Amino acid sequence: MTQQHSDFSEFKTVGLIAKVQHEKATQTLLALYKFLQQKNISVIIDQRNTVDLDLIDIQSDDLVGIGKRCDLAIVIGGDGYMLGAARVLARFDIAVIGVNRGNLGFLTDLDPEHFQAPLSEVLKGNYLVEERFLLTTEVHSHGHLKCRNSAINEIVLHPDKIAHMIDFEVYVDDDFMLNQRADGLIISTPTGSTAYSLSGGGPILTPNIDAISLLPMFPQTLNSRPIVIDANSTIRLKIAETNKSEMQVSCDSHVNLSVLPGDEVFIYKTKHTLKLVHPKDYNYFHVLQSKLGWGNKFF
């Protein structure tokens, strides 16, 4: 698998973003701050983290400010925290790397206890970068846009509060694909294919594939199967008016948009991409082997 080399020549200003009120994440942020200062690199800290720090004369800003002012953002936390920060940072020309202070850590490469050597190499320009695309979802009612948001992992249509089946039709580029009676539908990017979609039996898509997977959630019919389509397609979900209650569209399990019977949901690739930086020795299949417990080579 190939990753493209970055257009960034060097990182002069680095933003630090840590999971708020997480003691170990704050400790890692402090260690990173001192490490970067010793290298005479300008550091801007997420203003949400400054209340936990006893530092003088620090520069701080919100995520939008970090996206505008920094060349590199270091996100300290788990994959979920990375997703929240990355949805904002993807709108800017900034590289992003993660320090894992969570569980699996599919998106966070650096070990919080041993970040110095690999991060030093990254700062010297010895790194790889992957551009991960996002999905935008829009909810329309009677032809009018109600709300919009984006996701890096997945867009999920599901019932609002009580688990029950919902009826909807799926169109791809205005071509009818199928009608569905199920608990919902997971529309996943390659990045999200190792997240919620994987737990539901969806396929793993390598990050360099320009594709989206659609995975019905507990469909009533046995002939309903996951399908992978071109990522440049527009997906339209037509929600049946016969549904008895409200539904939701969730973006990365962070943002929920209300959906009513008769609404239409559109999902399409966002024009911005997340520029994920990796150490030079990064290998996606090694990540899968480590995180999913795949076996070693026979010979």
C-alpha atoms as a PDB file:
ATOM      1  CA  MET A   1       0.000   0.000   0.000  1.00  0.00           C
ATOM      2  CA  THR A   2       1.304   3.436  -0.833  1.00  0.00           C
ATOM      3  CA  GLN A   3       0.888   6.669   1.065  1.00  0.00           C
ATOM      4  CA  GLN A   4       1.624   9.939  -0.626  1.00  0.00           C
ATOM      5  CA  HIS A   5       4.374  12.127   0.735  1.00  0.00           C
ATOM      6  CA  SER A   6       3.246  15.395   2.202  1.00  0.00           C
ATOM      7  CA  ASP A   7       3.442  18.807   0.597  1.00  0.00           C
ATOM      8  CA  PHE A   8       4.427  20.191   4.006  1.00  0.00           C
ATOM      9  CA  SER A   9       8.181  20.783   4.081  1.00  0.00           C
ATOM     10  CA  GLU A  10       8.503  21.545   7.782  1.00  0.00           C
ATOM     11  CA  PHE A  11       6.300  22.293  10.746  1.00  0.00           C
ATOM     12  CA  LYS A  12       7.008  25.723  12.226  1.00  0.00           C
ATOM     13  CA  THR A  13       3.873  26.072  14.346  1.00  0.00           C
ATOM     14  CA  VAL A  14       2.285  23.117  16.123  1.00  0.00           C
ATOM     15  CA  GLY A  15      -1.115  22.970  17.811  1.00  0.00           C
ATOM     16  CA  LEU A  16      -1.701  20.749  20.839  1.00  0.00           C
ATOM     17  CA  ILE A  17      -5.202  19.404  21.471  1.00  0.00           C
ATOM     18  CA  ALA A  18      -5.857  17.054  24.392  1.00  0.00           C
ATOM     19  CA  LYS A  19      -8.956  15.354  25.735  1.00  0.00           C
ATOM     20  CA  VAL A  20     -10.416  17.823  28.203  1.00  0.00           C
ATOM     21  CA  GLN A  21     -10.209  16.950  31.913  1.00  0.00           C
ATOM     22  CA  HIS A  22      -8.325  13.736  31.188  1.00  0.00           C
ATOM     23  CA  GLU A  23      -5.390  13.608  33.602  1.00  0.00           C
ATOM     24  CA  LYS A  24      -3.123  11.396  31.517  1.00  0.00           C
ATOM     25  CA  ALA A  25      -3.890  13.337  28.329  1.00  0.00           C
ATOM     26  CA  THR A  26      -2.990  16.560  30.139  1.00  0.00           C
ATOM     27  CA  GLN A  27       0.288  15.013  31.335  1.00  0.00           C
ATOM     28  CA  THR A  28       1.103  14.023  27.753  1.00  0.00           C
ATOM     29  CA  LEU A  29       0.241  17.524  26.522  1.00  0.00           C
ATOM     30  CA  LEU A  30       2.693  19.013  29.036  1.00  0.00           C
ATOM     31  CA  ALA A  31       5.419  16.590  27.965  1.00  0.00           C
ATOM     32  CA  LEU A  32       4.813  17.464  24.310  1.00  0.00           C
ATOM     33  CA  TYR A  33       4.814  21.190  25.068  1.00  0.00           C
ATOM     34  CA  LYS A  34       8.234  20.982  26.757  1.00  0.00           C
ATOM     35  CA  PHE A  35       9.578  18.712  24.002  1.00  0.00           C
ATOM     36  CA  LEU A  36       8.511  21.144  21.251  1.00  0.00           C
ATOM     37  CA  GLN A  37       9.780  24.181  23.132  1.00  0.00           C
ATOM     38  CA  GLN A  38      13.213  22.588  23.387  1.00  0.00           C
ATOM     39  CA  LYS A  39      13.171  22.343  19.593  1.00  0.00           C
ATOM     40  CA  ASN A  40      12.260  26.053  19.307  1.00  0.00           C
ATOM     41  CA  ILE A  41       8.933  25.253  17.679  1.00  0.00           C
ATOM     42  CA  SER A  42       6.056  27.671  18.222  1.00  0.00           C
ATOM     43  CA  VAL A  43       3.197  25.981  20.093  1.00  0.00           C
ATOM     44  CA  ILE A  44      -0.479  26.932  20.277  1.00  0.00           C
ATOM     45  CA  ILE A  45      -2.605  25.042  22.809  1.00  0.00           C
ATOM     46  CA  ASP A  46      -6.330  24.392  22.507  1.00  0.00           C
ATOM     47  CA  GLN A  47      -7.934  26.986  24.775  1.00  0.00           C
ATOM     48  CA  ARG A  48     -10.100  24.293  26.388  1.00  0.00           C
ATOM     49  CA  ASN A  49      -6.923  22.743  27.810  1.00  0.00           C
ATOM     50  CA  THR A  50      -5.437  25.890  29.323  1.00  0.00           C
ATOM     51  CA  VAL A  51      -7.540  25.689  32.517  1.00  0.00           C
ATOM     52  CA  ASP A  52      -5.738  22.435  33.401  1.00  0.00           C
ATOM     53  CA  LEU A  53      -2.250  23.865  32.836  1.00  0.00           C
ATOM     54  CA  ASP A  54       0.013  25.820  35.139  1.00  0.00           C
ATOM     55  CA  LEU A  55       2.048  27.514  32.413  1.00  0.00           C
ATOM     56  CA  ILE A  56       3.013  31.134  31.865  1.00  0.00           C
ATOM     57  CA  ASP A  57       2.804  33.031  28.567  1.00  0.00           C
ATOM     58  CA  ILE A  58       1.307  30.208  26.558  1.00  0.00           C
ATOM     59  CA  GLN A  59      -0.405  30.847  23.239  1.00  0.00           C
ATOM     60  CA  SER A  60      -3.916  29.415  22.965  1.00  0.00           C
ATOM     61  CA  ASP A  61      -6.766  29.379  20.459  1.00  0.00           C
ATOM     62  CA  ASP A  62      -9.866  27.401  19.566  1.00  0.00           C
ATOM     63  CA  LEU A  63      -9.854  24.579  16.999  1.00  0.00           C
ATOM     64  CA  VAL A  64     -10.643  26.924  14.127  1.00  0.00           C
ATOM     65  CA  GLY A  65      -7.763  29.199  15.153  1.00  0.00           C
ATOM     66  CA  ILE A  66      -5.399  26.224  15.397  1.00  0.00           C
ATOM     67  CA  GLY A  67      -6.519  25.109  11.944  1.00  0.00           C
ATOM     68  CA  LYS A  68      -5.765  28.549  10.506  1.00  0.00           C
ATOM     69  CA  ARG A  69      -2.498  29.256  12.334  1.00  0.00           C
ATOM     70  CA  CYS A  70      -0.703  25.904  12.641  1.00  0.00           C
ATOM     71  CA  ASP A  71       1.129  23.619  10.218  1.00  0.00           C
ATOM     72  CA  LEU A  72       0.639  20.516  12.349  1.00  0.00           C
ATOM     73  CA  ALA A  73      -1.909  19.552  15.008  1.00  0.00           C
ATOM     74  CA  ILE A  74      -1.131  16.864  17.577  1.00  0.00           C
ATOM     75  CA  VAL A  75      -4.317  15.375  19.035  1.00  0.00           C
ATOM     76  CA  ILE A  76      -3.976  13.540  22.359  1.00  0.00           C
ATOM     77  CA  GLY A  77      -6.779  11.106  23.152  1.00  0.00           C
ATOM     78  CA  GLY A  78      -8.589   8.133  21.677  1.00  0.00           C
ATOM     79  CA  ASP A  79     -10.035   7.691  18.210  1.00  0.00           C
ATOM     80  CA  GLY A  80     -13.285   9.345  19.280  1.00  0.00           C
ATOM     81  CA  TYR A  81     -11.531  12.502  20.407  1.00  0.00           C
ATOM     82  CA  MET A  82      -9.468  12.517  17.236  1.00  0.00           C
ATOM     83  CA  LEU A  83     -12.673  12.333  15.181  1.00  0.00           C
ATOM     84  CA  GLY A  84     -14.181  15.326  16.950  1.00  0.00           C
ATOM     85  CA  ALA A  85     -11.093  17.488  16.402  1.00  0.00           C
ATOM     86  CA  ALA A  86     -10.488  16.236  12.875  1.00  0.00           C
ATOM     87  CA  ARG A  87     -13.979  17.162  11.642  1.00  0.00           C
ATOM     88  CA  VAL A  88     -13.036  20.800  12.333  1.00  0.00           C
ATOM     89  CA  LEU A  89      -9.359  20.646  11.300  1.00  0.00           C
ATOM     90  CA  ALA A  90     -10.122  18.961   7.959  1.00  0.00           C
ATOM     91  CA  ARG A  91     -11.438  22.298   6.675  1.00  0.00           C
ATOM     92  CA  PHE A  92      -7.914  23.763   6.825  1.00  0.00           C
ATOM     93  CA  ASP A  93      -4.545  23.052   5.205  1.00  0.00           C
ATOM     94  CA  ILE A  94      -3.095  21.444   8.314  1.00  0.00           C
ATOM     95  CA  ALA A  95      -1.502  18.065   8.966  1.00  0.00           C
ATOM     96  CA  VAL A  96      -2.778  15.993  11.909  1.00  0.00           C
ATOM     97  CA  ILE A  97      -1.125  13.268  13.981  1.00  0.00           C
ATOM     98  CA  GLY A  98      -2.475  11.497  17.048  1.00  0.00           C
ATOM     99  CA  VAL A  99      -1.084  10.354  20.392  1.00  0.00           C
ATOM    100  CA  ASN A 100      -3.099   7.415  21.702  1.00  0.00           C
ATOM    101  CA  ARG A 101      -4.703   7.966  25.096  1.00  0.00           C
ATOM    102  CA  GLY A 102      -7.690   5.753  24.319  1.00  0.00           C
ATOM    103  CA  ASN A 103      -8.358   2.095  23.615  1.00  0.00           C
ATOM    104  CA  LEU A 104      -7.877   0.760  20.074  1.00  0.00           C
ATOM    105  CA  GLY A 105      -6.117   3.732  18.511  1.00  0.00           C
ATOM    106  CA  PHE A 106      -6.670   3.130  14.787  1.00  0.00           C
ATOM    107  CA  LEU A 107      -6.131   6.849  14.105  1.00  0.00           C
ATOM    108  CA  THR A 108      -3.559   7.685  16.779  1.00  0.00           C
ATOM    109  CA  ASP A 109      -0.086   6.388  15.929  1.00  0.00           C
ATOM    110  CA  LEU A 110       2.160   7.743  18.661  1.00  0.00           C
ATOM    111  CA  ASP A 111       2.754   6.020  22.005  1.00  0.00           C
ATOM    112  CA  PRO A 112       2.343   8.573  24.819  1.00  0.00           C
ATOM    113  CA  GLU A 113       5.327   7.123  26.683  1.00  0.00           C
ATOM    114  CA  HIS A 114       7.657   6.918  23.686  1.00  0.00           C
ATOM    115  CA  PHE A 115       6.658   9.696  21.304  1.00  0.00           C
ATOM    116  CA  GLN A 116      10.014  11.505  21.236  1.00  0.00           C
ATOM    117  CA  ALA A 117      11.915   9.483  18.602  1.00  0.00           C
ATOM    118  CA  PRO A 118       9.098   9.077  16.021  1.00  0.00           C
ATOM    119  CA  LEU A 119       7.910  12.656  16.493  1.00  0.00           C
ATOM    120  CA  SER A 120      11.468  13.943  16.033  1.00  0.00           C
ATOM    121  CA  GLU A 121      11.592  12.151  12.683  1.00  0.00           C
ATOM    122  CA  VAL A 122       8.227  13.611  11.688  1.00  0.00           C
ATOM    123  CA  LEU A 123       9.446  17.111  12.563  1.00  0.00           C
ATOM    124  CA  LYS A 124      12.520  16.524  10.375  1.00  0.00           C
ATOM    125  CA  GLY A 125      10.256  15.750   7.423  1.00  0.00           C
ATOM    126  CA  ASN A 126      10.538  11.968   7.583  1.00  0.00           C
ATOM    127  CA  TYR A 127       6.874  10.997   7.473  1.00  0.00           C
ATOM    128  CA  LEU A 128       4.006   9.783   5.329  1.00  0.00           C
ATOM    129  CA  VAL A 129       0.627  11.419   4.874  1.00  0.00           C
ATOM    130  CA  GLU A 130      -2.742   9.963   3.963  1.00  0.00           C
ATOM    131  CA  GLU A 131      -5.675  12.035   2.831  1.00  0.00           C
ATOM    132  CA  ARG A 132      -8.855  10.611   4.347  1.00  0.00           C
ATOM    133  CA  PHE A 133     -12.141  11.839   2.912  1.00  0.00           C
ATOM    134  CA  LEU A 134     -15.169  12.818   4.964  1.00  0.00           C
ATOM    135  CA  LEU A 135     -18.882  12.440   4.312  1.00  0.00           C
ATOM    136  CA  THR A 136     -21.440  15.229   4.474  1.00  0.00           C
ATOM    137  CA  THR A 137     -25.052  14.469   5.320  1.00  0.00           C
ATOM    138  CA  GLU A 138     -28.049  16.716   4.753  1.00  0.00           C
ATOM    139  CA  VAL A 139     -31.616  16.263   6.002  1.00  0.00           C
ATOM    140  CA  HIS A 140     -34.284  17.727   3.722  1.00  0.00           C
ATOM    141  CA  SER A 141     -37.972  18.214   4.503  1.00  0.00           C
ATOM    142  CA  HIS A 142     -40.401  18.958   1.652  1.00  0.00           C
ATOM    143  CA  GLY A 143     -37.460  19.933  -0.555  1.00  0.00           C
ATOM    144  CA  HIS A 144     -35.894  22.331   1.955  1.00  0.00           C
ATOM    145  CA  LEU A 145     -32.594  21.813   3.804  1.00  0.00           C
ATOM    146  CA  LYS A 146     -33.168  21.355   7.558  1.00  0.00           C
ATOM    147  CA  CYS A 147     -29.664  20.576   8.811  1.00  0.00           C
ATOM    148  CA  ARG A 148     -26.224  19.444   7.702  1.00  0.00           C
ATOM    149  CA  ASN A 149     -23.094  17.961   9.284  1.00  0.00           C
ATOM    150  CA  SER A 150     -20.062  15.829   8.436  1.00  0.00           C
ATOM    151  CA  ALA A 151     -18.383  12.609   9.548  1.00  0.00           C
ATOM    152  CA  ILE A 152     -15.012  10.923   9.148  1.00  0.00           C
ATOM    153  CA  ASN A 153     -16.118   7.411  10.137  1.00  0.00           C
ATOM    154  CA  GLU A 154     -19.762   6.941   9.319  1.00  0.00           C
ATOM    155  CA  ILE A 155     -23.253   8.327   8.860  1.00  0.00           C
ATOM    156  CA  VAL A 156     -25.924   6.184  10.556  1.00  0.00           C
ATOM    157  CA  LEU A 157     -29.686   6.320  10.100  1.00  0.00           C
ATOM    158  CA  HIS A 158     -31.420   4.818  13.137  1.00  0.00           C
ATOM    159  CA  PRO A 159     -34.547   5.120  15.332  1.00  0.00           C
ATOM    160  CA  ASP A 160     -34.571   7.970  17.829  1.00  0.00           C
ATOM    161  CA  LYS A 161     -35.050   6.480  21.298  1.00  0.00           C
ATOM    162  CA  ILE A 162     -36.699   3.071  21.105  1.00  0.00           C
ATOM    163  CA  ALA A 163     -35.223   0.253  19.024  1.00  0.00           C
ATOM    164  CA  HIS A 164     -37.630  -0.639  16.225  1.00  0.00           C
ATOM    165  CA  MET A 165     -37.561  -1.220  12.492  1.00  0.00           C
ATOM    166  CA  ILE A 166     -37.832   1.682  10.084  1.00  0.00           C
ATOM    167  CA  ASP A 167     -38.815   1.753   6.418  1.00  0.00           C
ATOM    168  CA  PHE A 168     -36.778   3.630   3.813  1.00  0.00           C
ATOM    169  CA  GLU A 169     -35.637   3.517   0.205  1.00  0.00           C
ATOM    170  CA  VAL A 170     -32.022   3.806  -0.960  1.00  0.00           C
ATOM    171  CA  TYR A 171     -31.066   5.655  -4.154  1.00  0.00           C
ATOM    172  CA  VAL A 172     -27.543   5.982  -5.594  1.00  0.00           C
ATOM    173  CA  ASP A 173     -27.089   8.905  -8.012  1.00  0.00           C
ATOM    174  CA  ASP A 174     -30.896   9.011  -8.366  1.00  0.00           C
ATOM    175  CA  ASP A 175     -31.014   5.340  -9.351  1.00  0.00           C
ATOM    176  CA  PHE A 176     -33.279   3.283  -7.092  1.00  0.00           C
ATOM    177  CA  MET A 177     -31.264   0.525  -5.396  1.00  0.00           C
ATOM    178  CA  LEU A 178     -33.563  -1.101  -2.834  1.00  0.00           C
ATOM    179  CA  ASN A 179     -36.245  -0.610  -0.242  1.00  0.00           C
ATOM    180  CA  GLN A 180     -35.338  -1.564   3.262  1.00  0.00           C
ATOM    181  CA  ARG A 181     -37.063  -2.499   6.496  1.00  0.00           C
ATOM    182  CA  ALA A 182     -34.336  -2.601   9.132  1.00  0.00           C
ATOM    183  CA  ASP A 183     -33.068  -1.088  12.364  1.00  0.00           C
ATOM    184  CA  GLY A 184     -31.148   1.407  10.241  1.00  0.00           C
ATOM    185  CA  LEU A 185     -28.287   1.822   7.798  1.00  0.00           C
ATOM    186  CA  ILE A 186     -24.552   2.462   8.282  1.00  0.00           C
ATOM    187  CA  ILE A 187     -22.843   4.439   5.501  1.00  0.00           C
ATOM    188  CA  SER A 188     -19.104   4.150   6.133  1.00  0.00           C
ATOM    189  CA  THR A 189     -15.890   5.649   4.770  1.00  0.00           C
ATOM    190  CA  PRO A 190     -12.734   3.494   4.553  1.00  0.00           C
ATOM    191  CA  THR A 191     -11.604   5.170   7.789  1.00  0.00           C
ATOM    192  CA  GLY A 192     -14.842   4.099   9.485  1.00  0.00           C
ATOM    193  CA  SER A 193     -14.769   0.585   8.077  1.00  0.00           C
ATOM    194  CA  THR A 194     -12.847  -0.566  11.187  1.00  0.00           C
ATOM    195  CA  ALA A 195     -15.324   1.128  13.539  1.00  0.00           C
ATOM    196  CA  TYR A 196     -19.102   0.697  13.916  1.00  0.00           C
ATOM    197  CA  SER A 197     -19.472  -0.864  10.474  1.00  0.00           C
ATOM    198  CA  LEU A 198     -16.961  -3.597  11.343  1.00  0.00           C
ATOM    199  CA  SER A 199     -18.896  -4.528  14.482  1.00  0.00           C
ATOM    200  CA  GLY A 200     -21.997  -4.993  12.316  1.00  0.00           C
ATOM    201  CA  GLY A 201     -20.229  -7.341   9.891  1.00  0.00           C
ATOM    202  CA  GLY A 202     -19.246  -4.769   7.274  1.00  0.00           C
ATOM    203  CA  PRO A 203     -16.138  -5.060   5.070  1.00  0.00           C
ATOM    204  CA  ILE A 204     -12.780  -3.504   5.886  1.00  0.00           C
ATOM    205  CA  LEU A 205     -11.834  -0.954   3.216  1.00  0.00           C
ATOM    206  CA  THR A 206      -8.169   0.012   2.987  1.00  0.00           C
ATOM    207  CA  PRO A 207      -7.685   3.792   3.302  1.00  0.00           C
ATOM    208  CA  ASN A 208      -6.541   4.296  -0.295  1.00  0.00           C
ATOM    209  CA  ILE A 209      -9.822   2.974  -1.731  1.00  0.00           C
ATOM    210  CA  ASP A 210     -12.174   5.692  -2.994  1.00  0.00           C
ATOM    211  CA  ALA A 211     -15.307   3.885  -1.890  1.00  0.00           C
ATOM    212  CA  ILE A 212     -18.204   3.906   0.573  1.00  0.00           C
ATOM    213  CA  SER A 213     -19.856   0.872   2.159  1.00  0.00           C
ATOM    214  CA  LEU A 214     -23.581   0.583   2.935  1.00  0.00           C
ATOM    215  CA  LEU A 215     -24.477  -1.846   5.705  1.00  0.00           C
ATOM    216  CA  PRO A 216     -28.117  -2.532   6.682  1.00  0.00           C
ATOM    217  CA  MET A 217     -28.596  -2.948  10.443  1.00  0.00           C
ATOM    218  CA  PHE A 218     -30.547  -6.102  11.325  1.00  0.00           C
ATOM    219  CA  PRO A 219     -32.646  -6.134   8.120  1.00  0.00           C
ATOM    220  CA  GLN A 220     -35.923  -8.028   8.106  1.00  0.00           C
ATOM    221  CA  THR A 221     -35.085  -9.816   4.869  1.00  0.00           C
ATOM    222  CA  LEU A 222     -32.275 -12.362   4.562  1.00  0.00           C
ATOM    223  CA  ASN A 223     -31.316 -11.239   1.044  1.00  0.00           C
ATOM    224  CA  SER A 224     -30.118  -7.826   2.236  1.00  0.00           C
ATOM    225  CA  ARG A 225     -26.320  -7.596   2.055  1.00  0.00           C
ATOM    226  CA  PRO A 226     -23.582  -4.967   2.480  1.00  0.00           C
ATOM    227  CA  ILE A 227     -22.576  -3.196  -0.717  1.00  0.00           C
ATOM    228  CA  VAL A 228     -19.528  -1.080  -1.620  1.00  0.00           C
ATOM    229  CA  ILE A 229     -20.009   1.808  -4.066  1.00  0.00           C
ATOM    230  CA  ASP A 230     -17.958   4.589  -5.647  1.00  0.00           C
ATOM    231  CA  ALA A 231     -17.255   7.312  -3.084  1.00  0.00           C
ATOM    232  CA  ASN A 232     -18.149   9.985  -5.643  1.00  0.00           C
ATOM    233  CA  SER A 233     -21.761   8.808  -5.644  1.00  0.00           C
ATOM    234  CA  THR A 234     -24.582  10.685  -3.943  1.00  0.00           C
ATOM    235  CA  ILE A 235     -26.718   8.513  -1.684  1.00  0.00           C
ATOM    236  CA  ARG A 236     -30.331   9.483  -1.021  1.00  0.00           C
ATOM    237  CA  LEU A 237     -32.427   7.865   1.685  1.00  0.00           C
ATOM    238  CA  LYS A 238     -36.155   8.411   1.270  1.00  0.00           C
ATOM    239  CA  ILE A 239     -37.837   7.925   4.634  1.00  0.00           C
ATOM    240  CA  ALA A 240     -41.278   6.343   4.430  1.00  0.00           C
ATOM    241  CA  GLU A 241     -44.153   8.448   5.762  1.00  0.00           C
ATOM    242  CA  THR A 242     -45.574   5.295   7.344  1.00  0.00           C
ATOM    243  CA  ASN A 243     -42.865   5.326  10.042  1.00  0.00           C
ATOM    244  CA  LYS A 244     -44.541   5.993  13.383  1.00  0.00           C
ATOM    245  CA  SER A 245     -41.839   7.941  15.213  1.00  0.00           C
ATOM    246  CA  GLU A 246     -38.849  10.229  14.796  1.00  0.00           C
ATOM    247  CA  MET A 247     -35.454   8.981  13.658  1.00  0.00           C
ATOM    248  CA  GLN A 248     -31.918  10.321  13.752  1.00  0.00           C
ATOM    249  CA  VAL A 249     -28.896  10.554  11.519  1.00  0.00           C
ATOM    250  CA  SER A 250     -25.708  10.257  13.600  1.00  0.00           C
ATOM    251  CA  CYS A 251     -22.319  11.577  12.469  1.00  0.00           C
ATOM    252  CA  ASP A 252     -19.462   9.600  14.059  1.00  0.00           C
ATOM    253  CA  SER A 253     -21.791   9.003  17.057  1.00  0.00           C
ATOM    254  CA  HIS A 254     -21.054  12.616  18.059  1.00  0.00           C
ATOM    255  CA  VAL A 255     -23.665  14.730  16.281  1.00  0.00           C
ATOM    256  CA  ASN A 256     -27.309  13.692  15.907  1.00  0.00           C
ATOM    257  CA  LEU A 257     -29.649  15.230  13.334  1.00  0.00           C
ATOM    258  CA  SER A 258     -33.416  14.788  13.660  1.00  0.00           C
ATOM    259  CA  VAL A 259     -35.233  12.933  10.862  1.00  0.00           C
ATOM    260  CA  LEU A 260     -39.028  12.788  10.486  1.00  0.00           C
ATOM    261  CA  PRO A 261     -41.236  10.472   8.410  1.00  0.00           C
ATOM    262  CA  GLY A 262     -41.276  11.786   4.834  1.00  0.00           C
ATOM    263  CA  ASP A 263     -37.833  13.433   5.071  1.00  0.00           C
ATOM    264  CA  GLU A 264     -34.967  12.712   2.694  1.00  0.00           C
ATOM    265  CA  VAL A 265     -31.338  12.228   3.741  1.00  0.00           C
ATOM    266  CA  PHE A 266     -28.483  12.943   1.329  1.00  0.00           C
ATOM    267  CA  ILE A 267     -24.927  11.659   1.863  1.00  0.00           C
ATOM    268  CA  TYR A 268     -21.971  12.646  -0.311  1.00  0.00           C
ATOM    269  CA  LYS A 269     -18.211  13.082  -0.146  1.00  0.00           C
ATOM    270  CA  THR A 270     -17.011  16.348   1.404  1.00  0.00           C
ATOM    271  CA  LYS A 271     -14.611  18.463  -0.675  1.00  0.00           C
ATOM    272  CA  HIS A 272     -12.163  18.784   2.251  1.00  0.00           C
ATOM    273  CA  THR A 273      -9.895  15.926   3.355  1.00  0.00           C
ATOM    274  CA  LEU A 274      -8.195  15.081   6.627  1.00  0.00           C
ATOM    275  CA  LYS A 275      -4.410  15.009   6.176  1.00  0.00           C
ATOM    276  CA  LEU A 276      -3.240  12.298   8.569  1.00  0.00           C
ATOM    277  CA  VAL A 277       0.510  12.177   9.211  1.00  0.00           C
ATOM    278  CA  HIS A 278       2.213   8.872  10.022  1.00  0.00           C
ATOM    279  CA  PRO A 279       5.800   7.943  10.979  1.00  0.00           C
ATOM    280  CA  LYS A 280       7.800   6.565   8.047  1.00  0.00           C
ATOM    281  CA  ASP A 281       7.484   2.952   9.290  1.00  0.00           C
ATOM    282  CA  TYR A 282       3.659   3.072   9.330  1.00  0.00           C
ATOM    283  CA  ASN A 283       1.946   0.078   7.732  1.00  0.00           C
ATOM    284  CA  TYR A 284      -1.851  -0.225   7.671  1.00  0.00           C
ATOM    285  CA  PHE A 285      -1.815  -4.021   7.744  1.00  0.00           C
ATOM    286  CA  HIS A 286       0.434  -3.974  10.798  1.00  0.00           C
ATOM    287  CA  VAL A 287      -2.178  -1.784  12.474  1.00  0.00           C
ATOM    288  CA  LEU A 288      -4.905  -4.304  11.657  1.00  0.00           C
ATOM    289  CA  GLN A 289      -2.767  -7.179  12.910  1.00  0.00           C
ATOM    290  CA  SER A 290      -2.117  -5.367  16.174  1.00  0.00           C
ATOM    291  CA  LYS A 291      -5.579  -3.965  16.860  1.00  0.00           C
ATOM    292  CA  LEU A 292      -7.661  -6.916  15.639  1.00  0.00           C
ATOM    293  CA  GLY A 293      -5.401  -9.685  16.943  1.00  0.00           C
ATOM    294  CA  TRP A 294      -4.685 -11.225  13.551  1.00  0.00           C
ATOM    295  CA  GLY A 295      -2.121 -14.006  13.648  1.00  0.00           C
ATOM    296  CA  ASN A 296       1.546 -13.848  12.721  1.00  0.00           C
ATOM    297  CA  LYS A 297       3.024 -15.214   9.518  1.00  0.00           C
ATOM    298  CA  PHE A 298       3.330 -19.011   9.222  1.00  0.00           C
ATOM    299  CA  PHE A 299       6.778 -18.817   7.610  1.00  0.00           C
END
